[in-house]
Amino acid sequence: APAPLLSELAAKFAEHIQPPRKSKKTAGSYQDRVAAFIEWCEARNVTRSDQVDFKLMALFVKDRSTKVKARTVNRDVVPLRTMFRFARRERLVQTNPFLDPDFAELKLKEPQPRSNAITLSPTEVARVIAAAKASIAPPYTALIRLLAGSGLRMDEARNLDETDIEIEGERGFVTVAAKKDW
């Protein structure tokens, strides 16, 4: 039997990933990404599932990476890999092209986000607290101690209530959760 058309494969895959197997949002995202891939393939006269190979996927990744960030390209490839895994398991295709060892190289290196938070060392925390004691009125000193000792942001500290703070002996625990109108 001839290999199925990519559009036929996508339709069967779309049925397979409906809730509860995947969330509605994930299923929709997968369908959109698969549809975009098929449209890209059809523009290159690729319509059958057996025409998808490493060379084609490398071209797809290269083309997409000129338009979107690496993270998006990697997310575009996941539903395709999942679709071919499903198709092979259901015997809709003879081979899964994503099992080629070279496919691992298609994952683009994503830049790691740089933290915008500054972490103070215990010595620096002690210095901040000492400076606060020497120059700030007592109620604010407690706030400075809380912020410096816990790493809370000012808005998080401002929105704390009694139920968020638990003190056991010399140690305390603070639970931070979003509040209404926050």
C-alpha atoms as a PDB file:
ATOM      1  CA  ALA A   1       0.000   0.000   0.000  1.00  0.00           C
ATOM      2  CA  PRO A   2       1.276   3.489  -0.783  1.00  0.00           C
ATOM      3  CA  ALA A   3       2.315   5.712   2.066  1.00  0.00           C
ATOM      4  CA  PRO A   4      -0.501   7.910   3.375  1.00  0.00           C
ATOM      5  CA  LEU A   5      -0.731  11.561   2.483  1.00  0.00           C
ATOM      6  CA  LEU A   6       0.538  13.884   5.178  1.00  0.00           C
ATOM      7  CA  SER A   7      -2.932  15.463   5.372  1.00  0.00           C
ATOM      8  CA  GLU A   8      -4.532  12.029   6.015  1.00  0.00           C
ATOM      9  CA  LEU A   9      -1.945  11.251   8.655  1.00  0.00           C
ATOM     10  CA  ALA A  10      -2.557  14.630  10.296  1.00  0.00           C
ATOM     11  CA  ALA A  11      -6.331  14.016  10.405  1.00  0.00           C
ATOM     12  CA  LYS A  12      -5.887  10.655  12.159  1.00  0.00           C
ATOM     13  CA  PHE A  13      -3.338  12.167  14.528  1.00  0.00           C
ATOM     14  CA  ALA A  14      -5.730  15.041  15.330  1.00  0.00           C
ATOM     15  CA  GLU A  15      -8.417  12.520  16.330  1.00  0.00           C
ATOM     16  CA  HIS A  16      -5.901  10.636  18.460  1.00  0.00           C
ATOM     17  CA  ILE A  17      -4.718  13.635  20.503  1.00  0.00           C
ATOM     18  CA  GLN A  18      -8.139  14.964  21.518  1.00  0.00           C
ATOM     19  CA  PRO A  19      -8.896  15.273  25.255  1.00  0.00           C
ATOM     20  CA  PRO A  20      -8.437  13.482  27.554  1.00  0.00           C
ATOM     21  CA  ARG A  21      -5.273  12.201  25.828  1.00  0.00           C
ATOM     22  CA  LYS A  22      -3.972  15.782  25.487  1.00  0.00           C
ATOM     23  CA  SER A  23      -5.425  18.998  26.840  1.00  0.00           C
ATOM     24  CA  LYS A  24      -7.593  21.014  24.463  1.00  0.00           C
ATOM     25  CA  LYS A  25      -4.916  23.724  24.302  1.00  0.00           C
ATOM     26  CA  THR A  26      -2.100  21.245  23.565  1.00  0.00           C
ATOM     27  CA  ALA A  27      -4.169  19.399  20.967  1.00  0.00           C
ATOM     28  CA  GLY A  28      -4.943  22.701  19.236  1.00  0.00           C
ATOM     29  CA  SER A  29      -1.303  23.751  19.294  1.00  0.00           C
ATOM     30  CA  TYR A  30      -0.195  20.374  17.904  1.00  0.00           C
ATOM     31  CA  GLN A  31      -2.789  20.563  15.113  1.00  0.00           C
ATOM     32  CA  ASP A  32      -1.730  24.098  14.180  1.00  0.00           C
ATOM     33  CA  ARG A  33       1.959  23.172  14.080  1.00  0.00           C
ATOM     34  CA  VAL A  34       1.340  20.014  12.055  1.00  0.00           C
ATOM     35  CA  ALA A  35      -0.868  21.976   9.613  1.00  0.00           C
ATOM     36  CA  ALA A  36       1.846  24.624   9.196  1.00  0.00           C
ATOM     37  CA  PHE A  37       4.408  21.878   8.503  1.00  0.00           C
ATOM     38  CA  ILE A  38       2.146  20.243   5.910  1.00  0.00           C
ATOM     39  CA  GLU A  39       1.583  23.597   4.217  1.00  0.00           C
ATOM     40  CA  TRP A  40       5.363  24.129   4.164  1.00  0.00           C
ATOM     41  CA  CYS A  41       5.840  20.629   2.684  1.00  0.00           C
ATOM     42  CA  GLU A  42       3.175  21.069   0.031  1.00  0.00           C
ATOM     43  CA  ALA A  43       4.882  24.270  -1.134  1.00  0.00           C
ATOM     44  CA  ARG A  44       7.844  21.985  -1.883  1.00  0.00           C
ATOM     45  CA  ASN A  45       5.729  19.276  -3.572  1.00  0.00           C
ATOM     46  CA  VAL A  46       6.029  16.939  -0.586  1.00  0.00           C
ATOM     47  CA  THR A  47       2.658  15.356   0.114  1.00  0.00           C
ATOM     48  CA  ARG A  48       3.309  11.774   1.260  1.00  0.00           C
ATOM     49  CA  SER A  49       4.543  10.663   4.656  1.00  0.00           C
ATOM     50  CA  ASP A  50       7.337   8.545   3.148  1.00  0.00           C
ATOM     51  CA  GLN A  51       8.873  11.709   1.667  1.00  0.00           C
ATOM     52  CA  VAL A  52       9.664  13.061   5.140  1.00  0.00           C
ATOM     53  CA  ASP A  53      13.295  12.331   5.970  1.00  0.00           C
ATOM     54  CA  PHE A  54      16.230  13.919   7.773  1.00  0.00           C
ATOM     55  CA  LYS A  55      17.163  16.094   4.799  1.00  0.00           C
ATOM     56  CA  LEU A  56      13.653  17.555   4.566  1.00  0.00           C
ATOM     57  CA  MET A  57      13.423  18.131   8.328  1.00  0.00           C
ATOM     58  CA  ALA A  58      16.848  19.804   8.370  1.00  0.00           C
ATOM     59  CA  LEU A  59      15.616  22.154   5.639  1.00  0.00           C
ATOM     60  CA  PHE A  60      12.417  22.837   7.623  1.00  0.00           C
ATOM     61  CA  VAL A  61      14.388  23.619  10.795  1.00  0.00           C
ATOM     62  CA  LYS A  62      16.798  25.860   8.890  1.00  0.00           C
ATOM     63  CA  ASP A  63      13.939  27.708   7.196  1.00  0.00           C
ATOM     64  CA  ARG A  64      11.957  28.165  10.429  1.00  0.00           C
ATOM     65  CA  SER A  65      15.032  29.317  12.368  1.00  0.00           C
ATOM     66  CA  THR A  66      15.343  32.328  10.045  1.00  0.00           C
ATOM     67  CA  LYS A  67      11.841  33.423  11.073  1.00  0.00           C
ATOM     68  CA  VAL A  68      11.417  32.449  14.732  1.00  0.00           C
ATOM     69  CA  LYS A  69      13.495  31.750  17.834  1.00  0.00           C
ATOM     70  CA  ALA A  70      15.144  28.380  18.496  1.00  0.00           C
ATOM     71  CA  ARG A  71      12.653  27.589  21.244  1.00  0.00           C
ATOM     72  CA  THR A  72       9.748  27.947  18.796  1.00  0.00           C
ATOM     73  CA  VAL A  73      11.454  25.777  16.183  1.00  0.00           C
ATOM     74  CA  ASN A  74      12.031  23.065  18.780  1.00  0.00           C
ATOM     75  CA  ARG A  75       8.359  23.302  19.786  1.00  0.00           C
ATOM     76  CA  ASP A  76       7.358  23.021  16.121  1.00  0.00           C
ATOM     77  CA  VAL A  77       9.231  19.717  15.795  1.00  0.00           C
ATOM     78  CA  VAL A  78       7.715  18.013  18.882  1.00  0.00           C
ATOM     79  CA  PRO A  79       4.217  17.438  17.418  1.00  0.00           C
ATOM     80  CA  LEU A  80       5.752  16.150  14.181  1.00  0.00           C
ATOM     81  CA  ARG A  81       7.866  13.651  16.103  1.00  0.00           C
ATOM     82  CA  THR A  82       4.801  12.663  18.139  1.00  0.00           C
ATOM     83  CA  MET A  83       2.673  12.275  14.998  1.00  0.00           C
ATOM     84  CA  PHE A  84       5.184   9.938  13.347  1.00  0.00           C
ATOM     85  CA  ARG A  85       5.563   7.923  16.567  1.00  0.00           C
ATOM     86  CA  PHE A  86       1.767   7.526  16.634  1.00  0.00           C
ATOM     87  CA  ALA A  87       1.659   6.644  12.905  1.00  0.00           C
ATOM     88  CA  ARG A  88       4.303   3.945  13.298  1.00  0.00           C
ATOM     89  CA  ARG A  89       2.648   2.468  16.384  1.00  0.00           C
ATOM     90  CA  GLU A  90      -0.703   2.342  14.523  1.00  0.00           C
ATOM     91  CA  ARG A  91       1.059   0.853  11.464  1.00  0.00           C
ATOM     92  CA  LEU A  92       0.020   3.783   9.272  1.00  0.00           C
ATOM     93  CA  VAL A  93       3.631   4.198   8.080  1.00  0.00           C
ATOM     94  CA  GLN A  94       6.408   1.673   7.527  1.00  0.00           C
ATOM     95  CA  THR A  95       9.132   3.648   9.277  1.00  0.00           C
ATOM     96  CA  ASN A  96       9.423   6.542  11.682  1.00  0.00           C
ATOM     97  CA  PRO A  97      11.882   8.993  10.125  1.00  0.00           C
ATOM     98  CA  PHE A  98      12.488  10.567  13.537  1.00  0.00           C
ATOM     99  CA  LEU A  99      14.279   7.410  14.683  1.00  0.00           C
ATOM    100  CA  ASP A 100      17.214   8.335  12.448  1.00  0.00           C
ATOM    101  CA  PRO A 101      20.163   9.084  14.778  1.00  0.00           C
ATOM    102  CA  ASP A 102      20.766  12.397  12.997  1.00  0.00           C
ATOM    103  CA  PHE A 103      17.410  13.762  14.143  1.00  0.00           C
ATOM    104  CA  ALA A 104      18.834  14.467  17.594  1.00  0.00           C
ATOM    105  CA  GLU A 105      21.039  17.090  15.938  1.00  0.00           C
ATOM    106  CA  LEU A 106      17.981  19.019  14.736  1.00  0.00           C
ATOM    107  CA  LYS A 107      17.230  20.351  18.214  1.00  0.00           C
ATOM    108  CA  LEU A 108      18.505  23.898  18.232  1.00  0.00           C
ATOM    109  CA  LYS A 109      20.417  25.234  21.187  1.00  0.00           C
ATOM    110  CA  GLU A 110      18.167  27.600  23.072  1.00  0.00           C
ATOM    111  CA  PRO A 111      19.720  30.560  24.859  1.00  0.00           C
ATOM    112  CA  GLN A 112      19.413  30.194  28.609  1.00  0.00           C
ATOM    113  CA  PRO A 113      17.511  33.038  30.226  1.00  0.00           C
ATOM    114  CA  ARG A 114      19.579  35.227  32.466  1.00  0.00           C
ATOM    115  CA  SER A 115      18.153  35.707  35.883  1.00  0.00           C
ATOM    116  CA  ASN A 116      17.234  39.261  36.724  1.00  0.00           C
ATOM    117  CA  ALA A 117      17.299  38.451  40.410  1.00  0.00           C
ATOM    118  CA  ILE A 118      20.350  39.228  42.477  1.00  0.00           C
ATOM    119  CA  THR A 119      21.077  36.721  45.183  1.00  0.00           C
ATOM    120  CA  LEU A 120      22.758  38.063  48.292  1.00  0.00           C
ATOM    121  CA  SER A 121      25.233  36.027  50.260  1.00  0.00           C
ATOM    122  CA  PRO A 122      24.558  35.513  53.993  1.00  0.00           C
ATOM    123  CA  THR A 123      27.226  38.131  54.766  1.00  0.00           C
ATOM    124  CA  GLU A 124      25.554  40.649  52.445  1.00  0.00           C
ATOM    125  CA  VAL A 125      22.152  39.928  54.011  1.00  0.00           C
ATOM    126  CA  ALA A 126      23.644  40.575  57.452  1.00  0.00           C
ATOM    127  CA  ARG A 127      25.116  43.892  56.223  1.00  0.00           C
ATOM    128  CA  VAL A 128      21.767  45.005  54.746  1.00  0.00           C
ATOM    129  CA  ILE A 129      19.982  44.200  58.006  1.00  0.00           C
ATOM    130  CA  ALA A 130      22.633  45.975  60.094  1.00  0.00           C
ATOM    131  CA  ALA A 131      22.408  49.055  57.893  1.00  0.00           C
ATOM    132  CA  ALA A 132      18.608  49.000  58.149  1.00  0.00           C
ATOM    133  CA  LYS A 133      18.747  48.792  61.958  1.00  0.00           C
ATOM    134  CA  ALA A 134      21.100  51.771  62.071  1.00  0.00           C
ATOM    135  CA  SER A 135      19.213  54.060  59.724  1.00  0.00           C
ATOM    136  CA  ILE A 136      15.540  53.037  59.361  1.00  0.00           C
ATOM    137  CA  ALA A 137      12.585  53.200  61.767  1.00  0.00           C
ATOM    138  CA  PRO A 138      11.738  49.849  63.468  1.00  0.00           C
ATOM    139  CA  PRO A 139       8.625  48.877  61.463  1.00  0.00           C
ATOM    140  CA  TYR A 140      10.600  49.179  58.242  1.00  0.00           C
ATOM    141  CA  THR A 141      13.526  47.276  59.693  1.00  0.00           C
ATOM    142  CA  ALA A 142      11.282  44.206  60.018  1.00  0.00           C
ATOM    143  CA  LEU A 143      10.267  44.581  56.377  1.00  0.00           C
ATOM    144  CA  ILE A 144      13.903  44.868  55.285  1.00  0.00           C
ATOM    145  CA  ARG A 145      14.777  41.749  57.308  1.00  0.00           C
ATOM    146  CA  LEU A 146      11.906  39.850  55.680  1.00  0.00           C
ATOM    147  CA  LEU A 147      12.881  40.926  52.154  1.00  0.00           C
ATOM    148  CA  ALA A 148      16.607  40.324  52.597  1.00  0.00           C
ATOM    149  CA  GLY A 149      16.213  37.038  54.445  1.00  0.00           C
ATOM    150  CA  SER A 150      13.534  35.469  52.264  1.00  0.00           C
ATOM    151  CA  GLY A 151      14.158  36.852  48.791  1.00  0.00           C
ATOM    152  CA  LEU A 152      10.579  38.094  48.530  1.00  0.00           C
ATOM    153  CA  ARG A 153       9.785  40.922  46.169  1.00  0.00           C
ATOM    154  CA  MET A 154       8.253  44.085  47.595  1.00  0.00           C
ATOM    155  CA  ASP A 155       4.796  43.367  46.097  1.00  0.00           C
ATOM    156  CA  GLU A 156       4.875  39.827  47.456  1.00  0.00           C
ATOM    157  CA  ALA A 157       5.711  41.099  50.942  1.00  0.00           C
ATOM    158  CA  ARG A 158       3.082  43.841  50.714  1.00  0.00           C
ATOM    159  CA  ASN A 159       0.378  41.269  49.914  1.00  0.00           C
ATOM    160  CA  LEU A 160       1.192  38.815  52.702  1.00  0.00           C
ATOM    161  CA  ASP A 161      -1.371  38.129  55.386  1.00  0.00           C
ATOM    162  CA  GLU A 162      -1.173  36.232  58.679  1.00  0.00           C
ATOM    163  CA  THR A 163      -2.083  32.893  57.121  1.00  0.00           C
ATOM    164  CA  ASP A 164       0.956  33.095  54.812  1.00  0.00           C
ATOM    165  CA  ILE A 165       3.488  33.145  57.658  1.00  0.00           C
ATOM    166  CA  GLU A 166       4.330  30.133  59.802  1.00  0.00           C
ATOM    167  CA  ILE A 167       6.894  30.362  62.594  1.00  0.00           C
ATOM    168  CA  GLU A 168       8.372  27.257  64.220  1.00  0.00           C
ATOM    169  CA  GLY A 169      10.967  27.994  66.867  1.00  0.00           C
ATOM    170  CA  GLU A 170      13.761  30.079  65.355  1.00  0.00           C
ATOM    171  CA  ARG A 171      12.718  29.361  61.757  1.00  0.00           C
ATOM    172  CA  GLY A 172       9.885  30.784  59.746  1.00  0.00           C
ATOM    173  CA  PHE A 173       8.127  29.767  56.572  1.00  0.00           C
ATOM    174  CA  VAL A 174       6.439  32.146  54.164  1.00  0.00           C
ATOM    175  CA  THR A 175       3.944  30.946  51.578  1.00  0.00           C
ATOM    176  CA  VAL A 176       3.599  33.247  48.599  1.00  0.00           C
ATOM    177  CA  ALA A 177       0.504  32.869  46.456  1.00  0.00           C
ATOM    178  CA  ALA A 178      -1.243  35.233  44.086  1.00  0.00           C
ATOM    179  CA  LYS A 179      -4.049  37.171  45.754  1.00  0.00           C
ATOM    180  CA  LYS A 180      -7.190  38.657  44.241  1.00  0.00           C
ATOM    181  CA  ASP A 181      -6.602  42.001  42.569  1.00  0.00           C
ATOM    182  CA  TRP A 182      -2.838  41.483  42.729  1.00  0.00           C
END
